[in-house]
PDB file of all heavy atoms in Angstrom:
ATOM      1  N   SER A   1      16.147   7.880  -1.973  1.00  0.00           N
ATOM      2  CA  SER A   1      15.464   8.506  -0.849  1.00  0.00           C
ATOM      3  C   SER A   1      13.961   8.620  -1.096  1.00  0.00           C
ATOM      4  O   SER A   1      13.136   8.318  -0.207  1.00  0.00           O
ATOM      5  CB  SER A   1      16.068   9.879  -0.548  1.00  0.00           C
ATOM      6  OG  SER A   1      17.419   9.799  -0.262  1.00  0.00           O
ATOM      7  N   VAL A   2      13.583   9.091  -2.298  1.00  0.00           N
ATOM      8  CA  VAL A   2      12.185   9.239  -2.668  1.00  0.00           C
ATOM      9  C   VAL A   2      11.445   7.915  -2.581  1.00  0.00           C
ATOM     10  O   VAL A   2      10.375   7.795  -1.983  1.00  0.00           O
ATOM     11  CB  VAL A   2      12.009   9.882  -4.007  1.00  0.00           C
ATOM     12  CG1 VAL A   2      10.600   9.805  -4.486  1.00  0.00           C
ATOM     13  CG2 VAL A   2      12.491  11.309  -4.014  1.00  0.00           C
ATOM     14  N   ASN A   3      12.041   6.894  -3.122  1.00  0.00           N
ATOM     15  CA  ASN A   3      11.396   5.563  -3.148  1.00  0.00           C
ATOM     16  C   ASN A   3      11.332   4.938  -1.797  1.00  0.00           C
ATOM     17  O   ASN A   3      10.387   4.263  -1.443  1.00  0.00           O
ATOM     18  CB  ASN A   3      12.138   4.647  -4.128  1.00  0.00           C
ATOM     19  CG  ASN A   3      11.806   4.911  -5.599  1.00  0.00           C
ATOM     20  OD1 ASN A   3      10.709   4.607  -6.080  1.00  0.00           O
ATOM     21  ND2 ASN A   3      12.744   5.571  -6.308  1.00  0.00           N
ATOM     22  N   ALA A   4      12.373   5.216  -1.001  1.00  0.00           N
ATOM     23  CA  ALA A   4      12.384   4.702   0.371  1.00  0.00           C
ATOM     24  C   ALA A   4      11.250   5.343   1.179  1.00  0.00           C
ATOM     25  O   ALA A   4      10.568   4.638   1.952  1.00  0.00           O
ATOM     26  CB  ALA A   4      13.727   4.990   1.034  1.00  0.00           C
ATOM     27  N   ILE A   5      11.041   6.632   0.996  1.00  0.00           N
ATOM     28  CA  ILE A   5       9.913   7.310   1.673  1.00  0.00           C
ATOM     29  C   ILE A   5       8.569   6.773   1.206  1.00  0.00           C
ATOM     30  O   ILE A   5       7.648   6.550   2.042  1.00  0.00           O
ATOM     31  CB  ILE A   5      10.025   8.856   1.388  1.00  0.00           C
ATOM     32  CG1 ILE A   5      11.248   9.458   2.100  1.00  0.00           C
ATOM     33  CG2 ILE A   5       8.760   9.552   1.868  1.00  0.00           C
ATOM     34  CD1 ILE A   5      11.546  10.887   1.696  1.00  0.00           C
ATOM     35  N   ILE A   6       8.471   6.573  -0.137  1.00  0.00           N
ATOM     36  CA  ILE A   6       7.236   6.034  -0.654  1.00  0.00           C
ATOM     37  C   ILE A   6       6.924   4.646  -0.083  1.00  0.00           C
ATOM     38  O   ILE A   6       5.800   4.367   0.329  1.00  0.00           O
ATOM     39  CB  ILE A   6       7.283   5.978  -2.153  1.00  0.00           C
ATOM     40  CG1 ILE A   6       7.295   7.371  -2.757  1.00  0.00           C
ATOM     41  CG2 ILE A   6       6.105   5.186  -2.769  1.00  0.00           C
ATOM     42  CD1 ILE A   6       7.539   7.445  -4.256  1.00  0.00           C
ATOM     43  N   VAL A   7       7.921   3.783  -0.035  1.00  0.00           N
ATOM     44  CA  VAL A   7       7.736   2.456   0.521  1.00  0.00           C
ATOM     45  C   VAL A   7       7.370   2.520   2.011  1.00  0.00           C
ATOM     46  O   VAL A   7       6.466   1.813   2.502  1.00  0.00           O
ATOM     47  CB  VAL A   7       9.008   1.612   0.331  1.00  0.00           C
ATOM     48  CG1 VAL A   7       8.928   0.295   1.137  1.00  0.00           C
ATOM     49  CG2 VAL A   7       9.233   1.298  -1.123  1.00  0.00           C
ATOM     50  N   SER A   8       8.030   3.410   2.734  1.00  0.00           N
ATOM     51  CA  SER A   8       7.710   3.597   4.154  1.00  0.00           C
ATOM     52  C   SER A   8       6.259   4.040   4.385  1.00  0.00           C
ATOM     53  O   SER A   8       5.548   3.504   5.274  1.00  0.00           O
ATOM     54  CB  SER A   8       8.680   4.627   4.796  1.00  0.00           C
ATOM     55  OG  SER A   8       9.998   4.183   4.710  1.00  0.00           O
ATOM     56  N   LEU A   9       5.815   5.020   3.601  1.00  0.00           N
ATOM     57  CA  LEU A   9       4.440   5.459   3.704  1.00  0.00           C
ATOM     58  C   LEU A   9       3.427   4.371   3.292  1.00  0.00           C
ATOM     59  O   LEU A   9       2.407   4.206   3.950  1.00  0.00           O
ATOM     60  CB  LEU A   9       4.232   6.702   2.794  1.00  0.00           C
ATOM     61  CG  LEU A   9       4.973   7.967   3.237  1.00  0.00           C
ATOM     62  CD1 LEU A   9       4.814   9.014   2.152  1.00  0.00           C
ATOM     63  CD2 LEU A   9       4.380   8.444   4.603  1.00  0.00           C
ATOM     64  N   ALA A  10       3.807   3.576   2.271  1.00  0.00           N
ATOM     65  CA  ALA A  10       2.921   2.537   1.799  1.00  0.00           C
ATOM     66  C   ALA A  10       2.803   1.436   2.886  1.00  0.00           C
ATOM     67  O   ALA A  10       1.707   0.932   3.164  1.00  0.00           O
ATOM     68  CB  ALA A  10       3.457   1.928   0.508  1.00  0.00           C
ATOM     69  N   LEU A  11       3.939   1.113   3.458  1.00  0.00           N
ATOM     70  CA  LEU A  11       3.874   0.076   4.538  1.00  0.00           C
ATOM     71  C   LEU A  11       3.169   0.512   5.745  1.00  0.00           C
ATOM     72  O   LEU A  11       2.515  -0.270   6.468  1.00  0.00           O
ATOM     73  CB  LEU A  11       5.366  -0.333   4.886  1.00  0.00           C
ATOM     74  CG  LEU A  11       6.128  -1.098   3.804  1.00  0.00           C
ATOM     75  CD1 LEU A  11       7.571  -1.300   4.256  1.00  0.00           C
ATOM     76  CD2 LEU A  11       5.492  -2.418   3.485  1.00  0.00           C
ATOM     77  N   SER A  12       3.322   1.781   6.097  1.00  0.00           N
ATOM     78  CA  SER A  12       2.663   2.275   7.344  1.00  0.00           C
ATOM     79  C   SER A  12       1.230   2.679   7.190  1.00  0.00           C
ATOM     80  O   SER A  12       0.456   2.572   8.135  1.00  0.00           O
ATOM     81  CB  SER A  12       3.486   3.457   7.896  1.00  0.00           C
ATOM     82  OG  SER A  12       3.482   4.509   6.933  1.00  0.00           O
ATOM     83  N   ASN A  13       0.804   3.153   6.054  1.00  0.00           N
ATOM     84  CA  ASN A  13      -0.541   3.693   5.843  1.00  0.00           C
ATOM     85  C   ASN A  13      -1.454   2.839   4.933  1.00  0.00           C
ATOM     86  O   ASN A  13      -2.614   2.682   5.220  1.00  0.00           O
ATOM     87  CB  ASN A  13      -0.501   5.109   5.276  1.00  0.00           C
ATOM     88  CG  ASN A  13       0.212   6.034   6.247  1.00  0.00           C
ATOM     89  OD1 ASN A  13      -0.045   6.046   7.440  1.00  0.00           O
ATOM     90  ND2 ASN A  13       1.069   6.907   5.729  1.00  0.00           N
ATOM     91  N   LEU A  14      -0.880   2.325   3.848  1.00  0.00           N
ATOM     92  CA  LEU A  14      -1.712   1.687   2.843  1.00  0.00           C
ATOM     93  C   LEU A  14      -1.920   0.164   3.127  1.00  0.00           C
ATOM     94  O   LEU A  14      -3.028  -0.336   3.118  1.00  0.00           O
ATOM     95  CB  LEU A  14      -1.132   1.896   1.454  1.00  0.00           C
ATOM     96  CG  LEU A  14      -1.992   1.408   0.259  1.00  0.00           C
ATOM     97  CD1 LEU A  14      -3.353   2.138   0.297  1.00  0.00           C
ATOM     98  CD2 LEU A  14      -1.241   1.700  -1.041  1.00  0.00           C
ATOM     99  N   LEU A  15      -0.857  -0.550   3.413  1.00  0.00           N
ATOM    100  CA  LEU A  15      -0.934  -2.006   3.597  1.00  0.00           C
ATOM    101  C   LEU A  15      -1.862  -2.422   4.736  1.00  0.00           C
ATOM    102  O   LEU A  15      -2.594  -3.405   4.612  1.00  0.00           O
ATOM    103  CB  LEU A  15       0.451  -2.623   3.777  1.00  0.00           C
ATOM    104  CG  LEU A  15       1.325  -2.576   2.526  1.00  0.00           C
ATOM    105  CD1 LEU A  15       2.688  -3.220   2.821  1.00  0.00           C
ATOM    106  CD2 LEU A  15       0.654  -3.323   1.383  1.00  0.00           C
ATOM    107  N   PRO A  16      -1.834  -1.780   5.903  1.00  0.00           N
ATOM    108  CA  PRO A  16      -2.710  -2.191   7.004  1.00  0.00           C
ATOM    109  C   PRO A  16      -4.186  -2.100   6.654  1.00  0.00           C
ATOM    110  O   PRO A  16      -5.004  -2.818   7.197  1.00  0.00           O
ATOM    111  CB  PRO A  16      -2.385  -1.237   8.146  1.00  0.00           C
ATOM    112  CG  PRO A  16      -0.964  -0.791   7.815  1.00  0.00           C
ATOM    113  CD  PRO A  16      -0.909  -0.709   6.360  1.00  0.00           C
ATOM    114  N   LYS A  17      -4.567  -1.213   5.736  1.00  0.00           N
ATOM    115  CA  LYS A  17      -5.975  -1.034   5.351  1.00  0.00           C
ATOM    116  C   LYS A  17      -6.467  -2.044   4.333  1.00  0.00           C
ATOM    117  O   LYS A  17      -7.637  -2.082   4.018  1.00  0.00           O
ATOM    118  CB  LYS A  17      -6.198   0.382   4.790  1.00  0.00           C
ATOM    119  CG  LYS A  17      -5.909   1.472   5.834  1.00  0.00           C
ATOM    120  CD  LYS A  17      -6.045   2.869   5.222  1.00  0.00           C
ATOM    121  CE  LYS A  17      -5.773   3.941   6.281  1.00  0.00           C
ATOM    122  NZ  LYS A  17      -5.924   5.298   5.675  1.00  0.00           N
ATOM    123  N   LEU A  18      -5.516  -2.807   3.769  1.00  0.00           N
ATOM    124  CA  LEU A  18      -5.936  -3.809   2.751  1.00  0.00           C
ATOM    125  C   LEU A  18      -6.641  -5.003   3.347  1.00  0.00           C
ATOM    126  O   LEU A  18      -7.271  -5.778   2.616  1.00  0.00           O
ATOM    127  CB  LEU A  18      -4.710  -4.266   1.992  1.00  0.00           C
ATOM    128  CG  LEU A  18      -3.981  -3.234   1.125  1.00  0.00           C
ATOM    129  CD1 LEU A  18      -2.737  -3.806   0.426  1.00  0.00           C
ATOM    130  CD2 LEU A  18      -4.908  -2.604   0.110  1.00  0.00           C
ATOM    131  N   ASP A  19      -6.591  -5.138   4.694  1.00  0.00           N
ATOM    132  CA  ASP A  19      -7.307  -6.265   5.302  1.00  0.00           C
ATOM    133  C   ASP A  19      -8.820  -6.059   5.279  1.00  0.00           C
ATOM    134  O   ASP A  19      -9.614  -7.009   5.319  1.00  0.00           O
ATOM    135  CB  ASP A  19      -6.883  -6.404   6.807  1.00  0.00           C
ATOM    136  CG  ASP A  19      -5.445  -6.931   6.887  1.00  0.00           C
ATOM    137  OD1 ASP A  19      -4.976  -7.557   5.872  1.00  0.00           O
ATOM    138  OD2 ASP A  19      -4.785  -6.692   7.889  1.00  0.00           O
ATOM    139  N   ASN A  20      -9.202  -4.811   5.135  1.00  0.00           N
ATOM    140  CA  ASN A  20     -10.646  -4.482   5.139  1.00  0.00           C
ATOM    141  C   ASN A  20     -11.209  -4.956   3.755  1.00  0.00           C
ATOM    142  O   ASN A  20     -10.690  -4.544   2.694  1.00  0.00           O
ATOM    143  CB  ASN A  20     -10.833  -2.967   5.296  1.00  0.00           C
ATOM    144  CG  ASN A  20     -12.300  -2.614   5.538  1.00  0.00           C
ATOM    145  OD1 ASN A  20     -13.209  -3.273   5.088  1.00  0.00           O
ATOM    146  ND2 ASN A  20     -12.451  -1.471   6.222  1.00  0.00           N
ATOM    147  N   PRO A  21     -12.305  -5.756   3.746  1.00  0.00           N
ATOM    148  CA  PRO A  21     -12.865  -6.249   2.495  1.00  0.00           C
ATOM    149  C   PRO A  21     -13.249  -5.106   1.541  1.00  0.00           C
ATOM    150  O   PRO A  21     -13.213  -5.314   0.290  1.00  0.00           O
ATOM    151  CB  PRO A  21     -14.104  -7.054   2.977  1.00  0.00           C
ATOM    152  CG  PRO A  21     -13.738  -7.447   4.347  1.00  0.00           C
ATOM    153  CD  PRO A  21     -12.987  -6.359   4.958  1.00  0.00           C
ATOM    154  N   SER A  22     -13.526  -4.010   2.095  1.00  0.00           N
ATOM    155  CA  SER A  22     -13.973  -2.881   1.242  1.00  0.00           C
ATOM    156  C   SER A  22     -12.776  -2.300   0.414  1.00  0.00           C
ATOM    157  O   SER A  22     -12.987  -1.587  -0.535  1.00  0.00           O
ATOM    158  CB  SER A  22     -14.608  -1.786   2.021  1.00  0.00           C
ATOM    159  OG  SER A  22     -13.699  -1.241   2.984  1.00  0.00           O
ATOM    160  N   ASN A  23     -11.569  -2.720   0.840  1.00  0.00           N
ATOM    161  CA  ASN A  23     -10.376  -2.191   0.179  1.00  0.00           C
ATOM    162  C   ASN A  23      -9.621  -3.282  -0.650  1.00  0.00           C
ATOM    163  O   ASN A  23      -8.514  -3.017  -1.126  1.00  0.00           O
ATOM    164  CB  ASN A  23      -9.358  -1.605   1.187  1.00  0.00           C
ATOM    165  CG  ASN A  23      -9.899  -0.389   1.895  1.00  0.00           C
ATOM    166  OD1 ASN A  23     -10.640   0.391   1.269  1.00  0.00           O
ATOM    167  ND2 ASN A  23      -9.572  -0.201   3.143  1.00  0.00           N
ATOM    168  N   HIS A  24     -10.243  -4.411  -0.889  1.00  0.00           N
ATOM    169  CA  HIS A  24      -9.576  -5.497  -1.585  1.00  0.00           C
ATOM    170  C   HIS A  24      -9.275  -5.059  -3.041  1.00  0.00           C
ATOM    171  O   HIS A  24      -8.291  -5.603  -3.657  1.00  0.00           O
ATOM    172  CB  HIS A  24     -10.446  -6.742  -1.586  1.00  0.00           C
ATOM    173  CG  HIS A  24     -10.385  -7.505  -0.305  1.00  0.00           C
ATOM    174  ND1 HIS A  24     -11.144  -8.608  -0.014  1.00  0.00           N
ATOM    175  CD2 HIS A  24      -9.697  -7.248   0.852  1.00  0.00           C
ATOM    176  CE1 HIS A  24     -10.896  -9.043   1.198  1.00  0.00           C
ATOM    177  NE2 HIS A  24     -10.017  -8.204   1.747  1.00  0.00           N
ATOM    178  N   HIS A  25     -10.033  -4.181  -3.590  1.00  0.00           N
ATOM    179  CA  HIS A  25      -9.767  -3.756  -4.961  1.00  0.00           C
ATOM    180  C   HIS A  25      -8.458  -2.936  -5.094  1.00  0.00           C
ATOM    181  O   HIS A  25      -8.007  -2.690  -6.198  1.00  0.00           O
ATOM    182  CB  HIS A  25     -10.945  -2.864  -5.434  1.00  0.00           C
ATOM    183  CG  HIS A  25     -11.114  -1.600  -4.673  1.00  0.00           C
ATOM    184  ND1 HIS A  25     -11.700  -1.576  -3.418  1.00  0.00           N
ATOM    185  CD2 HIS A  25     -10.785  -0.312  -4.952  1.00  0.00           C
ATOM    186  CE1 HIS A  25     -11.722  -0.346  -2.979  1.00  0.00           C
ATOM    187  NE2 HIS A  25     -11.151   0.464  -3.896  1.00  0.00           N
ATOM    188  N   LEU A  26      -7.880  -2.561  -3.913  1.00  0.00           N
ATOM    189  CA  LEU A  26      -6.597  -1.825  -3.953  1.00  0.00           C
ATOM    190  C   LEU A  26      -5.395  -2.693  -3.854  1.00  0.00           C
ATOM    191  O   LEU A  26      -4.237  -2.216  -3.916  1.00  0.00           O
ATOM    192  CB  LEU A  26      -6.590  -0.824  -2.788  1.00  0.00           C
ATOM    193  CG  LEU A  26      -7.707   0.276  -2.788  1.00  0.00           C
ATOM    194  CD1 LEU A  26      -7.570   1.102  -1.515  1.00  0.00           C
ATOM    195  CD2 LEU A  26      -7.586   1.124  -4.025  1.00  0.00           C
ATOM    196  N   ILE A  27      -5.584  -4.018  -3.710  1.00  0.00           N
ATOM    197  CA  ILE A  27      -4.431  -4.897  -3.486  1.00  0.00           C
ATOM    198  C   ILE A  27      -3.535  -4.901  -4.727  1.00  0.00           C
ATOM    199  O   ILE A  27      -2.308  -4.702  -4.638  1.00  0.00           O
ATOM    200  CB  ILE A  27      -4.937  -6.328  -3.171  1.00  0.00           C
ATOM    201  CG1 ILE A  27      -5.603  -6.353  -1.810  1.00  0.00           C
ATOM    202  CG2 ILE A  27      -3.732  -7.307  -3.202  1.00  0.00           C
ATOM    203  CD1 ILE A  27      -6.218  -7.696  -1.420  1.00  0.00           C
ATOM    204  N   ILE A  28      -4.123  -5.132  -5.901  1.00  0.00           N
ATOM    205  CA  ILE A  28      -3.301  -5.193  -7.130  1.00  0.00           C
ATOM    206  C   ILE A  28      -2.600  -3.863  -7.405  1.00  0.00           C
ATOM    207  O   ILE A  28      -1.396  -3.864  -7.682  1.00  0.00           O
ATOM    208  CB  ILE A  28      -4.181  -5.686  -8.318  1.00  0.00           C
ATOM    209  CG1 ILE A  28      -4.599  -7.112  -8.108  1.00  0.00           C
ATOM    210  CG2 ILE A  28      -3.375  -5.535  -9.605  1.00  0.00           C
ATOM    211  CD1 ILE A  28      -5.534  -7.669  -9.159  1.00  0.00           C
ATOM    212  N   PRO A  29      -3.313  -2.730  -7.364  1.00  0.00           N
ATOM    213  CA  PRO A  29      -2.580  -1.452  -7.603  1.00  0.00           C
ATOM    214  C   PRO A  29      -1.467  -1.222  -6.597  1.00  0.00           C
ATOM    215  O   PRO A  29      -0.435  -0.667  -6.975  1.00  0.00           O
ATOM    216  CB  PRO A  29      -3.709  -0.417  -7.458  1.00  0.00           C
ATOM    217  CG  PRO A  29      -4.939  -1.119  -7.783  1.00  0.00           C
ATOM    218  CD  PRO A  29      -4.768  -2.514  -7.248  1.00  0.00           C
ATOM    219  N   THR A  30      -1.695  -1.670  -5.354  1.00  0.00           N
ATOM    220  CA  THR A  30      -0.677  -1.452  -4.345  1.00  0.00           C
ATOM    221  C   THR A  30       0.561  -2.332  -4.608  1.00  0.00           C
ATOM    222  O   THR A  30       1.701  -1.897  -4.519  1.00  0.00           O
ATOM    223  CB  THR A  30      -1.233  -1.802  -2.947  1.00  0.00           C
ATOM    224  OG1 THR A  30      -2.358  -0.983  -2.649  1.00  0.00           O
ATOM    225  CG2 THR A  30      -0.182  -1.610  -1.876  1.00  0.00           C
ATOM    226  N   ILE A  31       0.280  -3.589  -5.025  1.00  0.00           N
ATOM    227  CA  ILE A  31       1.408  -4.482  -5.378  1.00  0.00           C
ATOM    228  C   ILE A  31       2.227  -3.906  -6.549  1.00  0.00           C
ATOM    229  O   ILE A  31       3.452  -3.865  -6.530  1.00  0.00           O
ATOM    230  CB  ILE A  31       0.900  -5.887  -5.743  1.00  0.00           C
ATOM    231  CG1 ILE A  31       0.313  -6.593  -4.488  1.00  0.00           C
ATOM    232  CG2 ILE A  31       2.029  -6.724  -6.357  1.00  0.00           C
ATOM    233  CD1 ILE A  31      -0.375  -7.895  -4.776  1.00  0.00           C
ATOM    234  N   ILE A  32       1.511  -3.377  -7.557  1.00  0.00           N
ATOM    235  CA  ILE A  32       2.178  -2.762  -8.758  1.00  0.00           C
ATOM    236  C   ILE A  32       3.011  -1.557  -8.240  1.00  0.00           C
ATOM    237  O   ILE A  32       4.199  -1.445  -8.615  1.00  0.00           O
ATOM    238  CB  ILE A  32       1.142  -2.351  -9.771  1.00  0.00           C
ATOM    239  CG1 ILE A  32       0.477  -3.546 -10.393  1.00  0.00           C
ATOM    240  CG2 ILE A  32       1.861  -1.503 -10.873  1.00  0.00           C
ATOM    241  CD1 ILE A  32      -0.671  -3.228 -11.311  1.00  0.00           C
ATOM    242  N   PHE A  33       2.419  -0.750  -7.451  1.00  0.00           N
ATOM    243  CA  PHE A  33       3.073   0.455  -6.963  1.00  0.00           C
ATOM    244  C   PHE A  33       4.344   0.130  -6.162  1.00  0.00           C
ATOM    245  O   PHE A  33       5.435   0.677  -6.393  1.00  0.00           O
ATOM    246  CB  PHE A  33       2.108   1.277  -6.109  1.00  0.00           C
ATOM    247  CG  PHE A  33       2.633   2.565  -5.570  1.00  0.00           C
ATOM    248  CD1 PHE A  33       3.104   3.534  -6.460  1.00  0.00           C
ATOM    249  CD2 PHE A  33       2.701   2.787  -4.204  1.00  0.00           C
ATOM    250  CE1 PHE A  33       3.601   4.723  -5.947  1.00  0.00           C
ATOM    251  CE2 PHE A  33       3.228   3.950  -3.717  1.00  0.00           C
ATOM    252  CZ  PHE A  33       3.685   4.930  -4.604  1.00  0.00           C
ATOM    253  N   VAL A  34       4.205  -0.790  -5.242  1.00  0.00           N
ATOM    254  CA  VAL A  34       5.326  -1.163  -4.371  1.00  0.00           C
ATOM    255  C   VAL A  34       6.442  -1.889  -5.190  1.00  0.00           C
ATOM    256  O   VAL A  34       7.591  -1.675  -4.971  1.00  0.00           O
ATOM    257  CB  VAL A  34       4.841  -2.077  -3.197  1.00  0.00           C
ATOM    258  CG1 VAL A  34       6.047  -2.677  -2.429  1.00  0.00           C
ATOM    259  CG2 VAL A  34       3.940  -1.317  -2.296  1.00  0.00           C
TER     260      VAL A  34
END
């Protein structure tokens, strides 16, 4: 349940913001986290 919530939050809040060039440095940490 915890991991499902985390993945849901990541998909809904974090991944859409990675398209912004200013957030490219978060791609690798996000991949590791997911």
